[in-house]
Amino acid sequence: MILFVYGTLLDAGVLARVSGDPALARQSRAAMLEGWRRVVLRGTPYPTLVPRHGARVEGAVLRVGDAALARLSAYEGSAYALTPVRVVTARGALHARAWIAPPWRADRARDWP
């Protein structure tokens, strides 16, 4: 599966520790998600995404196997759902999935750093 990550999983150390695969960070590629904005997930220090015309979110794409996906899913928790997205990389557009919380969980007034 191809994942688009845009928050804490952009940190190579966090990604390696959580996924159990230290090579994932080296295999990631920069990507851009158009039409979305990164905001704070209400009641947490973590980000989520909300649709926003004209906005864009910088992140990375990476291909993960079943074991890493299971570990990353446990890390993301039940607040998020894997959502299909279309991202743009230096090699062109591709379909990926991103963990996004339901809109009512987002604090739209607070951008995530």
PDB file of N, CA and C in Angstrom:
ATOM      1  N   MET A   1       0.842  -1.178   0.000  1.00  0.00           N
ATOM      2  CA  MET A   1       0.000   0.000   0.000  1.00  0.00           C
ATOM      3  C   MET A   1       0.886   1.240   0.000  1.00  0.00           C
ATOM      4  N   ILE A   2       0.445   2.266  -0.700  1.00  0.00           N
ATOM      5  CA  ILE A   2       1.163   3.534  -0.705  1.00  0.00           C
ATOM      6  C   ILE A   2       0.467   4.477   0.273  1.00  0.00           C
ATOM      7  N   LEU A   3       1.236   4.985   1.233  1.00  0.00           N
ATOM      8  CA  LEU A   3       0.711   5.900   2.246  1.00  0.00           C
ATOM      9  C   LEU A   3       1.237   7.305   2.000  1.00  0.00           C
ATOM     10  N   PHE A   4       0.377   8.281   2.283  1.00  0.00           N
ATOM     11  CA  PHE A   4       0.802   9.673   2.349  1.00  0.00           C
ATOM     12  C   PHE A   4       0.842  10.024   3.822  1.00  0.00           C
ATOM     13  N   VAL A   5       2.008  10.439   4.311  1.00  0.00           N
ATOM     14  CA  VAL A   5       2.157  10.838   5.707  1.00  0.00           C
ATOM     15  C   VAL A   5       2.437  12.328   5.752  1.00  0.00           C
ATOM     16  N   TYR A   6       1.935  12.990   6.794  1.00  0.00           N
ATOM     17  CA  TYR A   6       1.977  14.454   6.818  1.00  0.00           C
ATOM     18  C   TYR A   6       2.204  15.028   8.209  1.00  0.00           C
ATOM     19  N   GLY A   7       2.442  14.190   9.192  1.00  0.00           N
ATOM     20  CA  GLY A   7       2.596  14.673  10.565  1.00  0.00           C
ATOM     21  C   GLY A   7       3.790  14.028  11.243  1.00  0.00           C
ATOM     22  N   THR A   8       3.537  13.403  12.375  1.00  0.00           N
ATOM     23  CA  THR A   8       4.616  12.835  13.177  1.00  0.00           C
ATOM     24  C   THR A   8       5.384  11.744  12.436  1.00  0.00           C
ATOM     25  N   LEU A   9       4.747  11.070  11.484  1.00  0.00           N
ATOM     26  CA  LEU A   9       5.441  10.009  10.750  1.00  0.00           C
ATOM     27  C   LEU A   9       6.444  10.544   9.730  1.00  0.00           C
ATOM     28  N   LEU A  10       6.517  11.854   9.559  1.00  0.00           N
ATOM     29  CA  LEU A  10       7.574  12.448   8.725  1.00  0.00           C
ATOM     30  C   LEU A  10       8.928  12.401   9.429  1.00  0.00           C
ATOM     31  N   ASP A  11       8.908  12.243  10.749  1.00  0.00           N
ATOM     32  CA  ASP A  11      10.145  12.125  11.525  1.00  0.00           C
ATOM     33  C   ASP A  11      10.694  10.708  11.328  1.00  0.00           C
ATOM     34  N   ALA A  12      11.901  10.610  10.771  1.00  0.00           N
ATOM     35  CA  ALA A  12      12.485   9.306  10.445  1.00  0.00           C
ATOM     36  C   ALA A  12      12.576   8.387  11.658  1.00  0.00           C
ATOM     37  N   GLY A  13      12.922   8.930  12.800  1.00  0.00           N
ATOM     38  CA  GLY A  13      13.027   8.115  14.012  1.00  0.00           C
ATOM     39  C   GLY A  13      11.682   7.574  14.449  1.00  0.00           C
ATOM     40  N   VAL A  14      10.669   8.417  14.422  1.00  0.00           N
ATOM     41  CA  VAL A  14       9.315   7.982  14.794  1.00  0.00           C
ATOM     42  C   VAL A  14       8.837   6.918  13.814  1.00  0.00           C
ATOM     43  N   LEU A  15       9.016   7.165  12.527  1.00  0.00           N
ATOM     44  CA  LEU A  15       8.572   6.215  11.510  1.00  0.00           C
ATOM     45  C   LEU A  15       9.254   4.859  11.682  1.00  0.00           C
ATOM     46  N   ALA A  16      10.558   4.851  11.907  1.00  0.00           N
ATOM     47  CA  ALA A  16      11.295   3.598  12.083  1.00  0.00           C
ATOM     48  C   ALA A  16      10.828   2.852  13.324  1.00  0.00           C
ATOM     49  N   ARG A  17      10.700   3.567  14.420  1.00  0.00           N
ATOM     50  CA  ARG A  17      10.293   2.942  15.676  1.00  0.00           C
ATOM     51  C   ARG A  17       8.885   2.371  15.589  1.00  0.00           C
ATOM     52  N   VAL A  18       7.964   3.145  15.069  1.00  0.00           N
ATOM     53  CA  VAL A  18       6.556   2.738  15.040  1.00  0.00           C
ATOM     54  C   VAL A  18       6.313   1.637  14.008  1.00  0.00           C
ATOM     55  N   SER A  19       6.930   1.753  12.838  1.00  0.00           N
ATOM     56  CA  SER A  19       6.693   0.781  11.765  1.00  0.00           C
ATOM     57  C   SER A  19       7.475  -0.515  11.945  1.00  0.00           C
ATOM     58  N   GLY A  20       8.584  -0.432  12.698  1.00  0.00           N
ATOM     59  CA  GLY A  20       9.454  -1.589  12.829  1.00  0.00           C
ATOM     60  C   GLY A  20      10.361  -1.766  11.613  1.00  0.00           C
ATOM     61  N   ASP A  21      10.370  -0.790  10.700  1.00  0.00           N
ATOM     62  CA  ASP A  21      11.159  -0.882   9.473  1.00  0.00           C
ATOM     63  C   ASP A  21      11.998   0.384   9.297  1.00  0.00           C
ATOM     64  N   PRO A  22      13.283   0.349   9.703  1.00  0.00           N
ATOM     65  CA  PRO A  22      14.126   1.536   9.604  1.00  0.00           C
ATOM     66  C   PRO A  22      14.350   2.011   8.169  1.00  0.00           C
ATOM     67  N   ALA A  23      14.127   1.156   7.173  1.00  0.00           N
ATOM     68  CA  ALA A  23      14.361   1.529   5.779  1.00  0.00           C
ATOM     69  C   ALA A  23      13.243   2.400   5.211  1.00  0.00           C
ATOM     70  N   LEU A  24      12.084   2.433   5.839  1.00  0.00           N
ATOM     71  CA  LEU A  24      10.956   3.187   5.277  1.00  0.00           C
ATOM     72  C   LEU A  24      11.277   4.662   5.061  1.00  0.00           C
ATOM     73  N   ALA A  25      11.915   5.290   6.007  1.00  0.00           N
ATOM     74  CA  ALA A  25      12.214   6.722   5.881  1.00  0.00           C
ATOM     75  C   ALA A  25      13.132   6.978   4.688  1.00  0.00           C
ATOM     76  N   ARG A  26      14.076   6.094   4.439  1.00  0.00           N
ATOM     77  CA  ARG A  26      14.990   6.265   3.304  1.00  0.00           C
ATOM     78  C   ARG A  26      14.274   6.061   1.970  1.00  0.00           C
ATOM     79  N   GLN A  27      13.189   5.311   1.980  1.00  0.00           N
ATOM     80  CA  GLN A  27      12.453   5.021   0.746  1.00  0.00           C
ATOM     81  C   GLN A  27      11.349   6.031   0.471  1.00  0.00           C
ATOM     82  N   SER A  28      11.090   6.932   1.410  1.00  0.00           N
ATOM     83  CA  SER A  28       9.992   7.883   1.218  1.00  0.00           C
ATOM     84  C   SER A  28      10.369   8.936   0.180  1.00  0.00           C
ATOM     85  N   ARG A  29       9.328   9.496  -0.453  1.00  0.00           N
ATOM     86  CA  ARG A  29       9.506  10.559  -1.441  1.00  0.00           C
ATOM     87  C   ARG A  29       8.619  11.735  -1.070  1.00  0.00           C
ATOM     88  N   ALA A  30       9.112  12.921  -1.303  1.00  0.00           N
ATOM     89  CA  ALA A  30       8.310  14.123  -1.037  1.00  0.00           C
ATOM     90  C   ALA A  30       7.049  14.092  -1.893  1.00  0.00           C
ATOM     91  N   ALA A  31       5.955  14.559  -1.298  1.00  0.00           N
ATOM     92  CA  ALA A  31       4.671  14.593  -2.005  1.00  0.00           C
ATOM     93  C   ALA A  31       3.860  15.779  -1.525  1.00  0.00           C
ATOM     94  N   MET A  32       2.905  16.185  -2.358  1.00  0.00           N
ATOM     95  CA  MET A  32       2.033  17.320  -2.059  1.00  0.00           C
ATOM     96  C   MET A  32       0.585  16.866  -2.223  1.00  0.00           C
ATOM     97  N   LEU A  33      -0.236  17.222  -1.245  1.00  0.00           N
ATOM     98  CA  LEU A  33      -1.665  16.925  -1.305  1.00  0.00           C
ATOM     99  C   LEU A  33      -2.406  18.240  -1.498  1.00  0.00           C
ATOM    100  N   GLU A  34      -3.011  18.411  -2.655  1.00  0.00           N
ATOM    101  CA  GLU A  34      -3.726  19.642  -2.992  1.00  0.00           C
ATOM    102  C   GLU A  34      -5.169  19.581  -2.481  1.00  0.00           C
ATOM    103  N   GLY A  35      -5.684  20.743  -2.053  1.00  0.00           N
ATOM    104  CA  GLY A  35      -7.085  20.826  -1.644  1.00  0.00           C
ATOM    105  C   GLY A  35      -7.360  20.413  -0.213  1.00  0.00           C
ATOM    106  N   TRP A  36      -6.313  20.315   0.579  1.00  0.00           N
ATOM    107  CA  TRP A  36      -6.444  19.943   1.999  1.00  0.00           C
ATOM    108  C   TRP A  36      -5.600  20.883   2.842  1.00  0.00           C
ATOM    109  N   ARG A  37      -5.956  20.984   4.117  1.00  0.00           N
ATOM    110  CA  ARG A  37      -5.236  21.819   5.092  1.00  0.00           C
ATOM    111  C   ARG A  37      -4.932  20.966   6.316  1.00  0.00           C
ATOM    112  N   ARG A  38      -3.738  21.124   6.876  1.00  0.00           N
ATOM    113  CA  ARG A  38      -3.331  20.380   8.082  1.00  0.00           C
ATOM    114  C   ARG A  38      -3.704  21.203   9.309  1.00  0.00           C
ATOM    115  N   VAL A  39      -4.505  20.611  10.186  1.00  0.00           N
ATOM    116  CA  VAL A  39      -4.952  21.283  11.411  1.00  0.00           C
ATOM    117  C   VAL A  39      -4.746  20.349  12.597  1.00  0.00           C
ATOM    118  N   VAL A  40      -4.954  20.873  13.786  1.00  0.00           N
ATOM    119  CA  VAL A  40      -4.817  20.081  15.007  1.00  0.00           C
ATOM    120  C   VAL A  40      -6.036  19.184  15.192  1.00  0.00           C
ATOM    121  N   LEU A  41      -5.787  17.944  15.581  1.00  0.00           N
ATOM    122  CA  LEU A  41      -6.854  17.029  15.960  1.00  0.00           C
ATOM    123  C   LEU A  41      -7.312  17.440  17.356  1.00  0.00           C
ATOM    124  N   ARG A  42      -8.546  17.824  17.476  1.00  0.00           N
ATOM    125  CA  ARG A  42      -9.093  18.374  18.724  1.00  0.00           C
ATOM    126  C   ARG A  42      -8.728  17.492  19.934  1.00  0.00           C
ATOM    127  N   GLY A  43      -8.198  18.137  20.970  1.00  0.00           N
ATOM    128  CA  GLY A  43      -7.861  17.448  22.216  1.00  0.00           C
ATOM    129  C   GLY A  43      -6.548  16.686  22.192  1.00  0.00           C
ATOM    130  N   THR A  44      -5.748  16.877  21.134  1.00  0.00           N
ATOM    131  CA  THR A  44      -4.465  16.180  21.016  1.00  0.00           C
ATOM    132  C   THR A  44      -3.397  17.149  20.505  1.00  0.00           C
ATOM    133  N   PRO A  45      -2.134  16.723  20.522  1.00  0.00           N
ATOM    134  CA  PRO A  45      -1.088  17.525  19.884  1.00  0.00           C
ATOM    135  C   PRO A  45      -0.821  17.085  18.438  1.00  0.00           C
ATOM    136  N   TYR A  46      -1.682  16.232  17.885  1.00  0.00           N
ATOM    137  CA  TYR A  46      -1.452  15.622  16.577  1.00  0.00           C
ATOM    138  C   TYR A  46      -2.251  16.303  15.467  1.00  0.00           C
ATOM    139  N   PRO A  47      -1.826  16.104  14.206  1.00  0.00           N
ATOM    140  CA  PRO A  47      -2.535  16.729  13.093  1.00  0.00           C
ATOM    141  C   PRO A  47      -3.607  15.829  12.480  1.00  0.00           C
ATOM    142  N   THR A  48      -4.482  16.452  11.742  1.00  0.00           N
ATOM    143  CA  THR A  48      -5.374  15.772  10.818  1.00  0.00           C
ATOM    144  C   THR A  48      -5.554  16.704   9.627  1.00  0.00           C
ATOM    145  N   LEU A  49      -6.322  16.270   8.664  1.00  0.00           N
ATOM    146  CA  LEU A  49      -6.533  17.054   7.459  1.00  0.00           C
ATOM    147  C   LEU A  49      -8.005  17.402   7.304  1.00  0.00           C
ATOM    148  N   VAL A  50      -8.264  18.587   6.758  1.00  0.00           N
ATOM    149  CA  VAL A  50      -9.621  18.993   6.405  1.00  0.00           C
ATOM    150  C   VAL A  50      -9.582  19.528   4.982  1.00  0.00           C
ATOM    151  N   PRO A  51     -10.646  19.303   4.213  1.00  0.00           N
ATOM    152  CA  PRO A  51     -10.676  19.845   2.859  1.00  0.00           C
ATOM    153  C   PRO A  51     -10.641  21.370   2.891  1.00  0.00           C
ATOM    154  N   ARG A  52      -9.899  21.959   1.974  1.00  0.00           N
ATOM    155  CA  ARG A  52      -9.815  23.418   1.893  1.00  0.00           C
ATOM    156  C   ARG A  52      -9.373  23.809   0.501  1.00  0.00           C
ATOM    157  N   HIS A  53     -10.263  24.405  -0.237  1.00  0.00           N
ATOM    158  CA  HIS A  53      -9.971  24.833  -1.600  1.00  0.00           C
ATOM    159  C   HIS A  53      -8.750  25.757  -1.610  1.00  0.00           C
ATOM    160  N   GLY A  54      -7.811  25.461  -2.477  1.00  0.00           N
ATOM    161  CA  GLY A  54      -6.628  26.293  -2.628  1.00  0.00           C
ATOM    162  C   GLY A  54      -5.501  25.984  -1.660  1.00  0.00           C
ATOM    163  N   ALA A  55      -5.759  25.144  -0.668  1.00  0.00           N
ATOM    164  CA  ALA A  55      -4.713  24.798   0.305  1.00  0.00           C
ATOM    165  C   ALA A  55      -3.907  23.599  -0.210  1.00  0.00           C
ATOM    166  N   ARG A  56      -2.786  23.348   0.426  1.00  0.00           N
ATOM    167  CA  ARG A  56      -2.000  22.157   0.126  1.00  0.00           C
ATOM    168  C   ARG A  56      -1.183  21.758   1.338  1.00  0.00           C
ATOM    169  N   VAL A  57      -0.883  20.479   1.396  1.00  0.00           N
ATOM    170  CA  VAL A  57      -0.142  19.921   2.521  1.00  0.00           C
ATOM    171  C   VAL A  57       1.088  19.205   1.983  1.00  0.00           C
ATOM    172  N   GLU A  58       2.240  19.579   2.509  1.00  0.00           N
ATOM    173  CA  GLU A  58       3.473  18.875   2.161  1.00  0.00           C
ATOM    174  C   GLU A  58       3.608  17.654   3.049  1.00  0.00           C
ATOM    175  N   GLY A  59       4.082  16.579   2.461  1.00  0.00           N
ATOM    176  CA  GLY A  59       4.286  15.342   3.201  1.00  0.00           C
ATOM    177  C   GLY A  59       5.196  14.426   2.417  1.00  0.00           C
ATOM    178  N   ALA A  60       4.984  13.131   2.591  1.00  0.00           N
ATOM    179  CA  ALA A  60       5.794  12.130   1.901  1.00  0.00           C
ATOM    180  C   ALA A  60       4.937  10.910   1.601  1.00  0.00           C
ATOM    181  N   VAL A  61       5.331  10.183   0.571  1.00  0.00           N
ATOM    182  CA  VAL A  61       4.695   8.911   0.265  1.00  0.00           C
ATOM    183  C   VAL A  61       5.700   7.802   0.510  1.00  0.00           C
ATOM    184  N   LEU A  62       5.172   6.661   0.929  1.00  0.00           N
ATOM    185  CA  LEU A  62       5.996   5.492   1.141  1.00  0.00           C
ATOM    186  C   LEU A  62       5.163   4.247   0.909  1.00  0.00           C
ATOM    187  N   ARG A  63       5.807   3.215   0.433  1.00  0.00           N
ATOM    188  CA  ARG A  63       5.145   1.939   0.196  1.00  0.00           C
ATOM    189  C   ARG A  63       5.403   1.054   1.408  1.00  0.00           C
ATOM    190  N   VAL A  64       4.318   0.540   2.000  1.00  0.00           N
ATOM    191  CA  VAL A  64       4.447  -0.282   3.202  1.00  0.00           C
ATOM    192  C   VAL A  64       3.845  -1.663   2.972  1.00  0.00           C
ATOM    193  N   GLY A  65       4.434  -2.641   3.617  1.00  0.00           N
ATOM    194  CA  GLY A  65       3.910  -3.997   3.598  1.00  0.00           C
ATOM    195  C   GLY A  65       2.894  -4.190   4.721  1.00  0.00           C
ATOM    196  N   ASP A  66       2.350  -5.383   4.802  1.00  0.00           N
ATOM    197  CA  ASP A  66       1.296  -5.681   5.769  1.00  0.00           C
ATOM    198  C   ASP A  66       1.730  -5.504   7.223  1.00  0.00           C
ATOM    199  N   ALA A  67       2.953  -5.963   7.556  1.00  0.00           N
ATOM    200  CA  ALA A  67       3.406  -5.875   8.948  1.00  0.00           C
ATOM    201  C   ALA A  67       3.571  -4.419   9.376  1.00  0.00           C
ATOM    202  N   ALA A  68       4.209  -3.609   8.540  1.00  0.00           N
ATOM    203  CA  ALA A  68       4.397  -2.182   8.867  1.00  0.00           C
ATOM    204  C   ALA A  68       3.050  -1.479   8.911  1.00  0.00           C
ATOM    205  N   LEU A  69       2.157  -1.810   7.986  1.00  0.00           N
ATOM    206  CA  LEU A  69       0.834  -1.189   7.969  1.00  0.00           C
ATOM    207  C   LEU A  69       0.078  -1.486   9.259  1.00  0.00           C
ATOM    208  N   ALA A  70       0.149  -2.709   9.742  1.00  0.00           N
ATOM    209  CA  ALA A  70      -0.533  -3.072  10.994  1.00  0.00           C
ATOM    210  C   ALA A  70       0.027  -2.268  12.162  1.00  0.00           C
ATOM    211  N   ARG A  71       1.330  -2.135  12.230  1.00  0.00           N
ATOM    212  CA  ARG A  71       1.951  -1.374  13.326  1.00  0.00           C
ATOM    213  C   ARG A  71       1.602   0.108  13.233  1.00  0.00           C
ATOM    214  N   LEU A  72       1.630   0.666  12.013  1.00  0.00           N
ATOM    215  CA  LEU A  72       1.288   2.079  11.824  1.00  0.00           C
ATOM    216  C   LEU A  72      -0.183   2.329  12.135  1.00  0.00           C
ATOM    217  N   SER A  73      -1.044   1.404  11.767  1.00  0.00           N
ATOM    218  CA  SER A  73      -2.473   1.540  12.076  1.00  0.00           C
ATOM    219  C   SER A  73      -2.712   1.565  13.582  1.00  0.00           C
ATOM    220  N   ALA A  74      -1.994   0.722  14.308  1.00  0.00           N
ATOM    221  CA  ALA A  74      -2.125   0.727  15.765  1.00  0.00           C
ATOM    222  C   ALA A  74      -1.653   2.057  16.345  1.00  0.00           C
ATOM    223  N   TYR A  75      -0.586   2.609  15.801  1.00  0.00           N
ATOM    224  CA  TYR A  75      -0.065   3.899  16.248  1.00  0.00           C
ATOM    225  C   TYR A  75      -1.078   5.008  15.986  1.00  0.00           C
ATOM    226  N   GLU A  76      -1.668   5.014  14.797  1.00  0.00           N
ATOM    227  CA  GLU A  76      -2.629   6.060  14.447  1.00  0.00           C
ATOM    228  C   GLU A  76      -3.898   5.963  15.291  1.00  0.00           C
ATOM    229  N   GLY A  77      -4.321   4.782  15.638  1.00  0.00           N
ATOM    230  CA  GLY A  77      -5.467   4.615  16.533  1.00  0.00           C
ATOM    231  C   GLY A  77      -6.809   4.792  15.839  1.00  0.00           C
ATOM    232  N   SER A  78      -7.846   4.690  16.650  1.00  0.00           N
ATOM    233  CA  SER A  78      -9.209   4.691  16.124  1.00  0.00           C
ATOM    234  C   SER A  78      -9.731   6.075  15.740  1.00  0.00           C
ATOM    235  N   ALA A  79      -9.011   7.124  16.073  1.00  0.00           N
ATOM    236  CA  ALA A  79      -9.461   8.475  15.719  1.00  0.00           C
ATOM    237  C   ALA A  79      -9.358   8.727  14.214  1.00  0.00           C
ATOM    238  N   TYR A  80      -8.529   7.946  13.535  1.00  0.00           N
ATOM    239  CA  TYR A  80      -8.259   8.162  12.116  1.00  0.00           C
ATOM    240  C   TYR A  80      -8.781   6.992  11.281  1.00  0.00           C
ATOM    241  N   ALA A  81      -9.103   7.280  10.018  1.00  0.00           N
ATOM    242  CA  ALA A  81      -9.452   6.245   9.051  1.00  0.00           C
ATOM    243  C   ALA A  81      -8.559   6.410   7.826  1.00  0.00           C
ATOM    244  N   LEU A  82      -8.131   5.297   7.250  1.00  0.00           N
ATOM    245  CA  LEU A  82      -7.358   5.369   6.015  1.00  0.00           C
ATOM    246  C   LEU A  82      -8.279   5.843   4.904  1.00  0.00           C
ATOM    247  N   THR A  83      -7.897   6.935   4.272  1.00  0.00           N
ATOM    248  CA  THR A  83      -8.737   7.615   3.294  1.00  0.00           C
ATOM    249  C   THR A  83      -7.992   7.720   1.966  1.00  0.00           C
ATOM    250  N   PRO A  84      -8.631   7.370   0.860  1.00  0.00           N
ATOM    251  CA  PRO A  84      -7.961   7.530  -0.439  1.00  0.00           C
ATOM    252  C   PRO A  84      -7.705   9.006  -0.756  1.00  0.00           C
ATOM    253  N   VAL A  85      -6.505   9.300  -1.242  1.00  0.00           N
ATOM    254  CA  VAL A  85      -6.128  10.654  -1.656  1.00  0.00           C
ATOM    255  C   VAL A  85      -5.314  10.556  -2.940  1.00  0.00           C
ATOM    256  N   ARG A  86      -5.218  11.657  -3.637  1.00  0.00           N
ATOM    257  CA  ARG A  86      -4.383  11.753  -4.839  1.00  0.00           C
ATOM    258  C   ARG A  86      -3.304  12.786  -4.544  1.00  0.00           C
ATOM    259  N   VAL A  87      -2.056  12.358  -4.616  1.00  0.00           N
ATOM    260  CA  VAL A  87      -0.936  13.237  -4.300  1.00  0.00           C
ATOM    261  C   VAL A  87      -0.071  13.453  -5.536  1.00  0.00           C
ATOM    262  N   VAL A  88       0.744  14.491  -5.472  1.00  0.00           N
ATOM    263  CA  VAL A  88       1.663  14.798  -6.566  1.00  0.00           C
ATOM    264  C   VAL A  88       3.087  14.682  -6.041  1.00  0.00           C
ATOM    265  N   THR A  89       3.907  13.961  -6.784  1.00  0.00           N
ATOM    266  CA  THR A  89       5.328  13.821  -6.462  1.00  0.00           C
ATOM    267  C   THR A  89       6.133  14.351  -7.640  1.00  0.00           C
ATOM    268  N   ALA A  90       7.439  14.364  -7.515  1.00  0.00           N
ATOM    269  CA  ALA A  90       8.299  14.786  -8.625  1.00  0.00           C
ATOM    270  C   ALA A  90       8.126  13.873  -9.832  1.00  0.00           C
ATOM    271  N   ARG A  91       7.673  12.657  -9.608  1.00  0.00           N
ATOM    272  CA  ARG A  91       7.456  11.695 -10.695  1.00  0.00           C
ATOM    273  C   ARG A  91       6.039  11.732 -11.246  1.00  0.00           C
ATOM    274  N   GLY A  92       5.195  12.610 -10.714  1.00  0.00           N
ATOM    275  CA  GLY A  92       3.818  12.716 -11.189  1.00  0.00           C
ATOM    276  C   GLY A  92       2.810  12.397 -10.101  1.00  0.00           C
ATOM    277  N   ALA A  93       1.540  12.327 -10.510  1.00  0.00           N
ATOM    278  CA  ALA A  93       0.456  12.077  -9.566  1.00  0.00           C
ATOM    279  C   ALA A  93       0.320  10.576  -9.291  1.00  0.00           C
ATOM    280  N   LEU A  94      -0.140  10.259  -8.084  1.00  0.00           N
ATOM    281  CA  LEU A  94      -0.432   8.867  -7.764  1.00  0.00           C
ATOM    282  C   LEU A  94      -1.491   8.793  -6.684  1.00  0.00           C
ATOM    283  N   HIS A  95      -2.112   7.629  -6.605  1.00  0.00           N
ATOM    284  CA  HIS A  95      -3.135   7.375  -5.599  1.00  0.00           C
ATOM    285  C   HIS A  95      -2.459   6.801  -4.361  1.00  0.00           C
ATOM    286  N   ALA A  96      -2.876   7.292  -3.215  1.00  0.00           N
ATOM    287  CA  ALA A  96      -2.327   6.840  -1.948  1.00  0.00           C
ATOM    288  C   ALA A  96      -3.462   6.813  -0.923  1.00  0.00           C
ATOM    289  N   ARG A  97      -3.123   6.518   0.288  1.00  0.00           N
ATOM    290  CA  ARG A  97      -4.064   6.587   1.401  1.00  0.00           C
ATOM    291  C   ARG A  97      -3.415   7.371   2.522  1.00  0.00           C
ATOM    292  N   ALA A  98      -4.242   8.117   3.237  1.00  0.00           N
ATOM    293  CA  ALA A  98      -3.755   8.915   4.370  1.00  0.00           C
ATOM    294  C   ALA A  98      -4.686   8.698   5.544  1.00  0.00           C
ATOM    295  N   TRP A  99      -4.132   8.738   6.752  1.00  0.00           N
ATOM    296  CA  TRP A  99      -4.966   8.665   7.943  1.00  0.00           C
ATOM    297  C   TRP A  99      -5.561  10.038   8.193  1.00  0.00           C
ATOM    298  N   ILE A 100      -6.885  10.121   8.123  1.00  0.00           N
ATOM    299  CA  ILE A 100      -7.596  11.377   8.315  1.00  0.00           C
ATOM    300  C   ILE A 100      -8.730  11.140   9.306  1.00  0.00           C
ATOM    301  N   ALA A 101      -8.850  12.039  10.271  1.00  0.00           N
ATOM    302  CA  ALA A 101      -9.925  11.946  11.270  1.00  0.00           C
ATOM    303  C   ALA A 101     -11.213  12.520  10.680  1.00  0.00           C
ATOM    304  N   PRO A 102     -12.364  12.129  11.232  1.00  0.00           N
ATOM    305  CA  PRO A 102     -13.622  12.730  10.775  1.00  0.00           C
ATOM    306  C   PRO A 102     -13.589  14.246  10.990  1.00  0.00           C
ATOM    307  N   PRO A 103     -14.256  14.993  10.119  1.00  0.00           N
ATOM    308  CA  PRO A 103     -14.201  16.459  10.202  1.00  0.00           C
ATOM    309  C   PRO A 103     -14.585  17.036  11.562  1.00  0.00           C
ATOM    310  N   TRP A 104     -15.496  16.419  12.273  1.00  0.00           N
ATOM    311  CA  TRP A 104     -15.918  16.954  13.564  1.00  0.00           C
ATOM    312  C   TRP A 104     -14.815  16.842  14.614  1.00  0.00           C
ATOM    313  N   ARG A 105     -13.785  16.031  14.360  1.00  0.00           N
ATOM    314  CA  ARG A 105     -12.677  15.891  15.313  1.00  0.00           C
ATOM    315  C   ARG A 105     -11.596  16.947  15.098  1.00  0.00           C
ATOM    316  N   ALA A 106     -11.682  17.692  14.001  1.00  0.00           N
ATOM    317  CA  ALA A 106     -10.644  18.665  13.650  1.00  0.00           C
ATOM    318  C   ALA A 106     -10.908  20.011  14.308  1.00  0.00           C
ATOM    319  N   ASP A 107      -9.835  20.621  14.781  1.00  0.00           N
ATOM    320  CA  ASP A 107      -9.898  21.993  15.297  1.00  0.00           C
ATOM    321  C   ASP A 107      -9.488  22.900  14.135  1.00  0.00           C
ATOM    322  N   ARG A 108     -10.476  23.318  13.359  1.00  0.00           N
ATOM    323  CA  ARG A 108     -10.209  24.090  12.127  1.00  0.00           C
ATOM    324  C   ARG A 108      -9.575  25.454  12.407  1.00  0.00           C
ATOM    325  N   ALA A 109      -9.631  25.903  13.630  1.00  0.00           N
ATOM    326  CA  ALA A 109      -9.084  27.225  13.958  1.00  0.00           C
ATOM    327  C   ALA A 109      -7.573  27.156  14.215  1.00  0.00           C
ATOM    328  N   ARG A 110      -7.020  25.941  14.301  1.00  0.00           N
ATOM    329  CA  ARG A 110      -5.607  25.821  14.678  1.00  0.00           C
ATOM    330  C   ARG A 110      -4.839  24.989  13.661  1.00  0.00           C
ATOM    331  N   ASP A 111      -3.992  25.648  12.886  1.00  0.00           N
ATOM    332  CA  ASP A 111      -3.096  24.925  11.981  1.00  0.00           C
ATOM    333  C   ASP A 111      -2.110  24.116  12.805  1.00  0.00           C
ATOM    334  N   TRP A 112      -1.754  22.939  12.306  1.00  0.00           N
ATOM    335  CA  TRP A 112      -0.727  22.135  12.965  1.00  0.00           C
ATOM    336  C   TRP A 112       0.620  22.611  12.466  1.00  0.00           C
ATOM    337  N   PRO A 113       1.583  22.740  13.364  1.00  0.00           N
ATOM    338  CA  PRO A 113       2.886  23.278  12.944  1.00  0.00           C
ATOM    339  C   PRO A 113       3.450  22.660  11.736  1.00  0.00           C
TER     340      PRO A 113
END
